[in-house]
Amino acid sequence: MNSTLVDIEKRIKEIEDELKNTKYNKSTEKHILKLKARLTYLRKELEEKKRREKKRISKAGIKKEGNARVTIIGPPSVGKSYLFNRLTNAKSEIGDYPFTTLDIHPGVMKYKNAKIQILDTPGLIKGASLGRGNGREILSIARDSDLLLIMVDVFNYDLDTILNEIYNFGIRINKKEPNISVRKTERGGIKIIPTLPLSVSEDYLKSIAWEFGYRNADITIREDISAEDFMDVLAGNRVYIPATLAINKIDLVDNNYLSQLKRKFGKWNPIFISASHGYGISTLREEIFKKVGLIRVYLKPQAGEIDIHEPLILRRGATVKDICNAIHRDFVKRFRYAMIWGRSVKFEGQHVGLDHRVEDEDIVRLVLRKY
């Protein structure tokens, strides 16, 4: 490995150790924040240097297919390949020993007329974000997903290791990107411009910005944030992805044991499954469809029946304009109005414009100008 990369990794390890050994109190609070800022900056620098040197494995470029992508991610030997085979028509090698899957396998789950790409990945281990166990390949795929399906089992549920590696690779799960804008200026120093009271002091935020190399900037903050949120925005290479948790092998334990796990992981609202027996798979399919944010829209022709077997698959939040663009590039120019039947309107057959947002299972009739 390049000596510069080794130096950066060594410095990252030193700061991580210092953070572990520094007790948090009022007198150390500012120092800890600076250490975290420096750690975030170094991780960003390490990622950029590795990218420039093309250290990523080429298989991280698996082509996206279907209406959405879901990556199954978790520790070795929790049944990811069993689940992959259940959800798709593809076949991934399975076995009762760790690291059965050595490559990333794509397949397609067909559900509610949508085609959702599912990726089966090797087990994620500690140090994956730095490259151990093909970890960077796995996490690069995860960054480009619409949903992370995090999977553990009833005996191997060390979720913290998985979450730490995901976090260290710049992936933020079940969070929205902080509403912060940064504008570099010629002079004037660092100005923090909050639109509401903040939990973190402006002095702390300025010191963090300084650690990231900012000397003159106007930073507008439109919501209350943590110091970590602020660092993520300054790092500039974060992705924000929804995630759901599946706990496998429920057929191997009793109800009392399951009740303990439900209490332990309650905030996750996990899906309990048995991939080998098929328990909970239908519930998981529905959760995947909901979390990737897909909706179905049925088109109503001027004459003839609505084809309920071939809906248009769109992203939640899609508008009538998106429908037009999905059908034909000229439809927006020719658009007069649309008629909607469904949950997105106040009454059936309501006339709406291009900006109207549709909802799942709406029926839409487009009325167009003639050529």
Protein backbone atom coordinates (compact mmCIF):
# COMPACT_ATOMS: atom_id res chain seq x y z
CA MET A 1 0.00 0.00 0.00
CA ASN A 2 1.10 3.56 -0.73
CA SER A 3 3.08 5.04 2.20
CA THR A 4 0.78 8.08 2.31
CA LEU A 5 -2.23 5.82 2.77
CA VAL A 6 -0.43 3.93 5.52
CA ASP A 7 0.31 7.21 7.30
CA ILE A 8 -3.31 8.31 7.10
CA GLU A 9 -4.57 4.95 8.38
CA LYS A 10 -2.05 5.11 11.22
CA ARG A 11 -3.26 8.58 12.17
CA ILE A 12 -6.88 7.43 12.02
CA LYS A 13 -6.06 4.56 14.40
CA GLU A 14 -4.28 6.95 16.79
CA ILE A 15 -7.28 9.29 16.93
CA GLU A 16 -9.72 6.39 17.37
CA ASP A 17 -7.63 5.14 20.30
CA GLU A 18 -7.46 8.63 21.82
CA LEU A 19 -11.23 8.97 21.56
CA LYS A 20 -11.73 5.61 23.29
CA ASN A 21 -9.40 6.62 26.13
CA THR A 22 -10.73 10.16 26.64
CA LYS A 23 -13.54 10.43 29.16
CA TYR A 24 -16.34 12.77 28.11
CA ASN A 25 -16.99 15.72 30.39
CA LYS A 26 -17.32 19.49 30.15
CA SER A 27 -13.57 20.07 30.15
CA THR A 28 -12.92 17.53 27.35
CA GLU A 29 -16.02 18.21 25.24
CA LYS A 30 -14.38 20.66 22.85
CA HIS A 31 -11.26 18.50 22.47
CA ILE A 32 -13.39 15.44 21.65
CA LEU A 33 -15.31 17.39 19.01
CA LYS A 34 -12.05 18.47 17.39
CA LEU A 35 -10.80 14.88 17.41
CA LYS A 36 -14.02 13.73 15.74
CA ALA A 37 -13.72 16.47 13.14
CA ARG A 38 -10.12 15.52 12.40
CA LEU A 39 -11.11 11.82 12.21
CA THR A 40 -13.91 12.59 9.74
CA TYR A 41 -11.58 14.68 7.61
CA LEU A 42 -8.89 11.97 7.54
CA ARG A 43 -11.42 9.30 6.59
CA LYS A 44 -12.61 11.52 3.75
CA GLU A 45 -9.00 12.07 2.61
CA LEU A 46 -8.28 8.33 2.79
CA GLU A 47 -11.36 7.53 0.70
CA GLU A 48 -10.45 10.11 -1.95
CA LYS A 49 -6.84 8.91 -2.23
CA LYS A 50 -7.90 5.28 -2.55
CA ARG A 51 -10.39 6.23 -5.22
CA ARG A 52 -7.76 8.14 -7.17
CA GLU A 53 -5.41 5.19 -7.01
CA LYS A 54 -8.19 2.93 -8.22
CA LYS A 55 -8.04 0.67 -5.23
CA ARG A 56 -11.69 -0.22 -5.53
CA ILE A 57 -12.41 -3.67 -6.88
CA SER A 58 -13.95 -3.56 -10.34
CA LYS A 59 -16.95 -5.69 -9.41
CA ALA A 60 -18.31 -2.72 -7.44
CA GLY A 61 -19.65 -1.59 -10.80
CA ILE A 62 -22.53 -4.10 -11.02
CA LYS A 63 -25.13 -2.61 -13.36
CA LYS A 64 -28.33 -1.36 -11.78
CA GLU A 65 -31.45 -3.05 -13.10
CA GLY A 66 -35.16 -2.89 -12.35
CA ASN A 67 -37.07 -0.19 -10.47
CA ALA A 68 -34.85 -0.16 -7.35
CA ARG A 69 -31.78 -1.79 -5.81
CA VAL A 70 -31.62 -3.51 -2.41
CA THR A 71 -28.36 -4.78 -0.92
CA ILE A 72 -28.42 -7.54 1.70
CA ILE A 73 -25.65 -6.79 4.16
CA GLY A 74 -24.64 -8.50 7.39
CA PRO A 75 -22.04 -10.66 9.15
CA PRO A 76 -20.94 -14.04 7.77
CA SER A 77 -23.14 -17.12 8.09
CA VAL A 78 -26.46 -15.48 9.03
CA GLY A 79 -28.33 -16.84 5.99
CA LYS A 80 -28.06 -13.99 3.48
CA SER A 81 -27.81 -16.38 0.54
CA TYR A 82 -30.80 -18.41 1.76
CA LEU A 83 -32.79 -15.19 1.86
CA PHE A 84 -31.50 -14.07 -1.54
CA ASN A 85 -32.67 -17.36 -3.06
CA ARG A 86 -36.08 -16.94 -1.41
CA LEU A 87 -36.58 -13.43 -2.71
CA THR A 88 -35.33 -13.97 -6.28
CA ASN A 89 -35.24 -16.57 -9.00
CA ALA A 90 -31.43 -16.49 -8.98
CA LYS A 91 -29.35 -19.03 -7.10
CA SER A 92 -26.52 -18.19 -4.74
CA GLU A 93 -24.40 -20.92 -3.16
CA ILE A 94 -25.49 -21.69 0.39
CA GLY A 95 -23.90 -23.61 3.22
CA ASP A 96 -23.68 -23.83 7.00
CA TYR A 97 -20.19 -22.35 7.19
CA PRO A 98 -18.84 -18.78 7.05
CA PHE A 99 -17.94 -16.96 3.83
CA THR A 100 -19.89 -19.26 1.49
CA THR A 101 -20.54 -16.23 -0.71
CA LEU A 102 -17.25 -14.84 -2.02
CA ASP A 103 -18.70 -12.65 -4.78
CA ILE A 104 -21.63 -10.26 -5.12
CA HIS A 105 -24.62 -11.91 -6.81
CA PRO A 106 -27.48 -9.93 -8.43
CA GLY A 107 -31.04 -11.16 -8.77
CA VAL A 108 -34.52 -9.69 -9.24
CA MET A 109 -37.47 -9.81 -6.85
CA LYS A 110 -40.81 -9.36 -8.60
CA TYR A 111 -43.42 -7.89 -6.30
CA LYS A 112 -46.58 -5.87 -6.99
CA ASN A 113 -45.55 -5.58 -10.64
CA ALA A 114 -42.24 -3.98 -9.64
CA LYS A 115 -38.83 -5.45 -10.43
CA ILE A 116 -36.45 -4.88 -7.53
CA GLN A 117 -32.79 -5.81 -7.88
CA ILE A 118 -31.51 -7.76 -4.87
CA LEU A 119 -27.77 -8.13 -4.25
CA ASP A 120 -26.35 -10.95 -2.15
CA THR A 121 -23.02 -9.92 -0.61
CA PRO A 122 -20.21 -11.64 1.33
CA GLY A 123 -20.24 -11.34 5.11
CA LEU A 124 -19.16 -7.96 6.45
CA ILE A 125 -16.46 -8.09 9.14
CA LYS A 126 -14.73 -5.62 11.45
CA GLY A 127 -12.36 -3.42 9.45
CA ALA A 128 -14.44 -3.77 6.27
CA SER A 129 -14.50 0.00 5.72
CA LEU A 130 -10.71 -0.11 5.49
CA GLY A 131 -10.72 -3.02 3.05
CA ARG A 132 -10.78 -6.21 5.14
CA GLY A 133 -12.69 -9.10 3.61
CA ASN A 134 -13.53 -7.26 0.38
CA GLY A 135 -15.32 -4.79 2.62
CA ARG A 136 -14.82 -1.78 0.39
CA GLU A 137 -16.38 -3.62 -2.55
CA ILE A 138 -19.41 -4.52 -0.45
CA LEU A 139 -19.80 -1.03 0.97
CA SER A 140 -19.34 0.60 -2.44
CA ILE A 141 -22.30 -1.42 -3.66
CA ALA A 142 -24.24 -0.46 -0.52
CA ARG A 143 -23.63 3.25 -1.20
CA ASP A 144 -25.35 2.88 -4.58
CA SER A 145 -28.47 1.17 -3.21
CA ASP A 146 -32.01 2.39 -2.61
CA LEU A 147 -32.33 0.28 0.55
CA LEU A 148 -29.99 -1.63 2.84
CA LEU A 149 -31.45 -4.88 4.11
CA ILE A 150 -29.32 -5.45 7.20
CA MET A 151 -29.46 -9.09 8.24
CA VAL A 152 -28.41 -10.84 11.44
CA ASP A 153 -29.64 -14.05 13.05
CA VAL A 154 -30.98 -15.00 16.46
CA PHE A 155 -27.51 -16.07 17.65
CA ASN A 156 -25.22 -13.76 15.68
CA TYR A 157 -26.72 -10.31 16.24
CA ASP A 158 -23.66 -8.10 16.70
CA LEU A 159 -25.33 -5.20 14.94
CA ASP A 160 -22.88 -2.59 16.26
CA THR A 161 -19.98 -3.90 14.14
CA ILE A 162 -22.09 -3.76 10.97
CA LEU A 163 -23.42 -0.28 11.75
CA ASN A 164 -19.92 1.04 12.58
CA GLU A 165 -18.47 -0.17 9.26
CA ILE A 166 -21.41 1.30 7.34
CA TYR A 167 -20.99 4.59 9.21
CA ASN A 168 -17.21 4.73 8.71
CA PHE A 169 -17.71 4.33 4.96
CA GLY A 170 -19.81 7.49 4.83
CA ILE A 171 -23.24 5.85 4.67
CA ARG A 172 -25.96 7.35 6.87
CA ILE A 173 -28.98 5.11 7.33
CA ASN A 174 -32.55 6.16 8.12
CA LYS A 175 -31.56 9.83 8.20
CA LYS A 176 -32.21 12.83 5.99
CA GLU A 177 -29.37 15.02 4.80
CA PRO A 178 -29.01 17.97 7.22
CA ASN A 179 -30.45 21.23 5.92
CA ILE A 180 -27.18 23.16 5.82
CA SER A 181 -25.69 25.23 3.03
CA VAL A 182 -22.02 26.23 2.85
CA ARG A 183 -20.83 29.14 0.71
CA LYS A 184 -17.12 29.92 0.55
CA THR A 185 -16.28 33.63 0.67
CA GLU A 186 -13.22 35.77 -0.08
CA ARG A 187 -12.96 37.25 3.43
CA GLY A 188 -14.79 37.68 6.70
CA GLY A 189 -13.85 34.43 8.42
CA ILE A 190 -16.32 31.66 9.21
CA LYS A 191 -19.87 32.87 9.83
CA ILE A 192 -22.46 30.53 11.30
CA ILE A 193 -25.95 31.69 10.31
CA PRO A 194 -28.62 29.69 12.21
CA THR A 195 -32.32 30.17 11.47
CA LEU A 196 -33.28 28.70 14.88
CA PRO A 197 -31.59 28.00 18.25
CA LEU A 198 -28.88 25.31 18.04
CA SER A 199 -27.88 22.63 20.55
CA VAL A 200 -24.20 22.96 19.55
CA SER A 201 -22.46 26.29 20.18
CA GLU A 202 -21.40 28.38 17.20
CA ASP A 203 -17.82 28.43 18.50
CA TYR A 204 -17.69 24.63 18.37
CA LEU A 205 -19.07 24.65 14.84
CA LYS A 206 -16.48 27.22 13.76
CA SER A 207 -13.67 25.10 15.22
CA ILE A 208 -14.97 22.06 13.33
CA ALA A 209 -15.13 24.03 10.07
CA TRP A 210 -11.54 25.18 10.69
CA GLU A 211 -10.45 21.52 11.03
CA PHE A 212 -11.95 20.88 7.59
CA GLY A 213 -9.85 23.63 6.05
CA TYR A 214 -12.47 26.37 5.90
CA ARG A 215 -11.15 29.87 6.60
CA ASN A 216 -13.84 32.10 5.04
CA ALA A 217 -17.39 30.84 4.60
CA ASP A 218 -21.04 31.63 5.27
CA ILE A 219 -22.69 28.53 6.73
CA THR A 220 -26.48 28.65 6.97
CA ILE A 221 -28.11 26.08 9.29
CA ARG A 222 -31.88 25.64 8.96
CA GLU A 223 -32.48 22.94 11.59
CA ASP A 224 -31.06 21.84 14.91
CA ILE A 225 -28.08 19.55 14.30
CA SER A 226 -25.43 17.55 16.12
CA ALA A 227 -21.70 18.07 15.68
CA GLU A 228 -21.61 14.81 13.69
CA ASP A 229 -24.29 16.10 11.32
CA PHE A 230 -22.20 19.22 10.73
CA MET A 231 -19.07 17.16 10.00
CA ASP A 232 -21.00 15.03 7.52
CA VAL A 233 -22.03 18.10 5.53
CA LEU A 234 -18.49 19.48 5.50
CA ALA A 235 -17.09 16.09 4.46
CA GLY A 236 -19.37 16.26 1.43
CA ASN A 237 -19.18 12.57 0.50
CA ARG A 238 -22.05 11.16 2.56
CA VAL A 239 -25.03 9.23 1.22
CA TYR A 240 -28.36 8.90 3.02
CA ILE A 241 -30.11 5.56 2.56
CA PRO A 242 -33.09 3.89 4.27
CA ALA A 243 -32.44 0.58 6.00
CA THR A 244 -34.48 -2.20 7.51
CA LEU A 245 -33.41 -5.02 9.83
CA ALA A 246 -34.20 -8.72 9.32
CA ILE A 247 -33.45 -11.26 12.07
CA ASN A 248 -33.12 -14.78 10.68
CA LYS A 249 -33.37 -18.37 12.02
CA ILE A 250 -36.40 -17.80 14.25
CA ASP A 251 -37.25 -21.49 13.77
CA LEU A 252 -34.32 -22.38 16.04
CA VAL A 253 -35.48 -20.55 19.21
CA ASP A 254 -38.57 -20.41 21.41
CA ASN A 255 -41.02 -17.54 21.90
CA ASN A 256 -39.40 -16.38 25.13
CA TYR A 257 -36.05 -15.91 23.38
CA LEU A 258 -37.76 -14.06 20.52
CA SER A 259 -39.48 -11.75 23.01
CA GLN A 260 -36.07 -10.78 24.42
CA LEU A 261 -34.80 -9.95 20.93
CA LYS A 262 -37.92 -7.90 20.18
CA ARG A 263 -37.25 -5.80 23.27
CA LYS A 264 -33.55 -5.46 22.43
CA PHE A 265 -34.13 -4.30 18.84
CA GLY A 266 -37.52 -2.66 19.35
CA LYS A 267 -36.53 0.73 17.90
CA TRP A 268 -35.65 -0.99 14.61
CA ASN A 269 -39.06 -2.64 14.27
CA PRO A 270 -37.25 -5.68 12.80
CA ILE A 271 -38.76 -8.35 10.56
CA PHE A 272 -38.31 -11.80 12.11
CA ILE A 273 -37.82 -14.50 9.48
CA SER A 274 -36.67 -18.01 8.75
CA ALA A 275 -35.08 -17.89 5.31
CA SER A 276 -34.71 -21.67 5.18
CA HIS A 277 -38.40 -22.32 6.02
CA GLY A 278 -39.95 -19.23 4.44
CA TYR A 279 -41.41 -17.73 7.63
CA GLY A 280 -41.89 -13.96 7.49
CA ILE A 281 -40.81 -13.65 3.85
CA SER A 282 -44.12 -12.15 2.66
CA THR A 283 -43.91 -9.51 5.41
CA LEU A 284 -40.33 -8.74 4.39
CA ARG A 285 -41.29 -8.38 0.72
CA GLU A 286 -43.93 -5.82 1.64
CA GLU A 287 -41.45 -3.94 3.85
CA ILE A 288 -38.90 -3.82 1.02
CA PHE A 289 -41.49 -2.46 -1.43
CA LYS A 290 -42.55 0.21 1.07
CA LYS A 291 -39.03 1.24 2.08
CA VAL A 292 -37.64 1.63 -1.46
CA GLY A 293 -40.43 4.13 -2.07
CA LEU A 294 -42.16 2.68 -5.12
CA ILE A 295 -45.75 3.36 -6.18
CA ARG A 296 -47.99 1.95 -8.92
CA VAL A 297 -50.00 4.16 -11.25
CA TYR A 298 -52.63 2.73 -13.60
CA LEU A 299 -53.20 4.49 -16.91
CA LYS A 300 -56.75 4.98 -18.12
CA PRO A 301 -57.07 5.18 -21.92
CA GLN A 302 -59.83 7.18 -23.59
CA ALA A 303 -61.31 3.93 -24.79
CA GLY A 304 -60.83 0.45 -23.42
CA GLU A 305 -60.16 -1.08 -20.03
CA ILE A 306 -57.49 -0.16 -17.49
CA ASP A 307 -54.66 -2.70 -17.59
CA ILE A 308 -54.34 -3.61 -13.90
CA HIS A 309 -51.56 -6.08 -14.72
CA GLU A 310 -49.15 -3.49 -16.14
CA PRO A 311 -49.01 -0.41 -13.90
CA LEU A 312 -46.43 2.31 -14.33
CA ILE A 313 -43.85 1.96 -11.52
CA LEU A 314 -42.68 5.30 -10.13
CA ARG A 315 -40.91 6.72 -7.09
CA ARG A 316 -42.96 8.06 -4.19
CA GLY A 317 -43.39 11.80 -4.71
CA ALA A 318 -43.70 11.46 -8.49
CA THR A 319 -45.86 13.98 -10.35
CA VAL A 320 -48.05 13.93 -13.42
CA LYS A 321 -45.09 15.42 -15.26
CA ASP A 322 -43.02 12.35 -14.33
CA ILE A 323 -45.76 10.15 -15.78
CA CYS A 324 -45.68 12.10 -19.04
CA ASN A 325 -41.91 11.83 -19.29
CA ALA A 326 -42.03 8.10 -18.55
CA ILE A 327 -44.46 7.46 -21.41
CA HIS A 328 -43.21 9.74 -24.21
CA ARG A 329 -40.89 12.72 -24.41
CA ASP A 330 -43.51 14.80 -26.29
CA PHE A 331 -46.30 14.35 -23.74
CA VAL A 332 -45.26 17.30 -21.55
CA LYS A 333 -45.43 19.68 -24.55
CA ARG A 334 -48.85 18.35 -25.56
CA PHE A 335 -50.26 18.18 -22.02
CA ARG A 336 -53.61 19.89 -21.31
CA TYR A 337 -54.67 18.31 -18.00
CA ALA A 338 -54.95 14.96 -16.26
CA MET A 339 -57.89 13.26 -14.60
CA ILE A 340 -57.17 11.34 -11.40
CA TRP A 341 -59.08 8.66 -9.51
CA GLY A 342 -57.49 7.66 -6.20
CA ARG A 343 -56.07 8.80 -2.88
CA SER A 344 -54.17 11.82 -4.22
CA VAL A 345 -57.33 13.76 -5.08
CA LYS A 346 -60.35 15.05 -3.16
CA PHE A 347 -62.90 13.65 -5.59
CA GLU A 348 -62.91 11.02 -8.32
CA GLY A 349 -61.96 12.23 -11.79
CA GLN A 350 -60.46 15.49 -10.49
CA HIS A 351 -58.64 17.61 -13.09
CA VAL A 352 -55.01 18.33 -12.14
CA GLY A 353 -51.87 19.85 -13.66
CA LEU A 354 -48.32 18.66 -14.25
CA ASP A 355 -47.16 19.39 -10.68
CA HIS A 356 -49.79 17.21 -9.01
CA ARG A 357 -48.24 14.41 -6.91
CA VAL A 358 -49.73 10.99 -7.43
CA GLU A 359 -50.07 8.21 -4.85
CA ASP A 360 -49.94 4.43 -4.93
CA GLU A 361 -52.67 2.84 -7.09
CA ASP A 362 -53.93 6.13 -8.52
CA ILE A 363 -55.68 5.86 -11.88
CA VAL A 364 -54.58 8.55 -14.33
CA ARG A 365 -55.98 9.67 -17.66
CA LEU A 366 -53.86 12.12 -19.64
CA VAL A 367 -55.63 14.61 -21.87
CA LEU A 368 -53.29 15.90 -24.59
CA ARG A 369 -53.38 18.45 -27.35
CA LYS A 370 -53.38 17.06 -30.87
CA TYR A 371 -50.27 17.50 -33.00
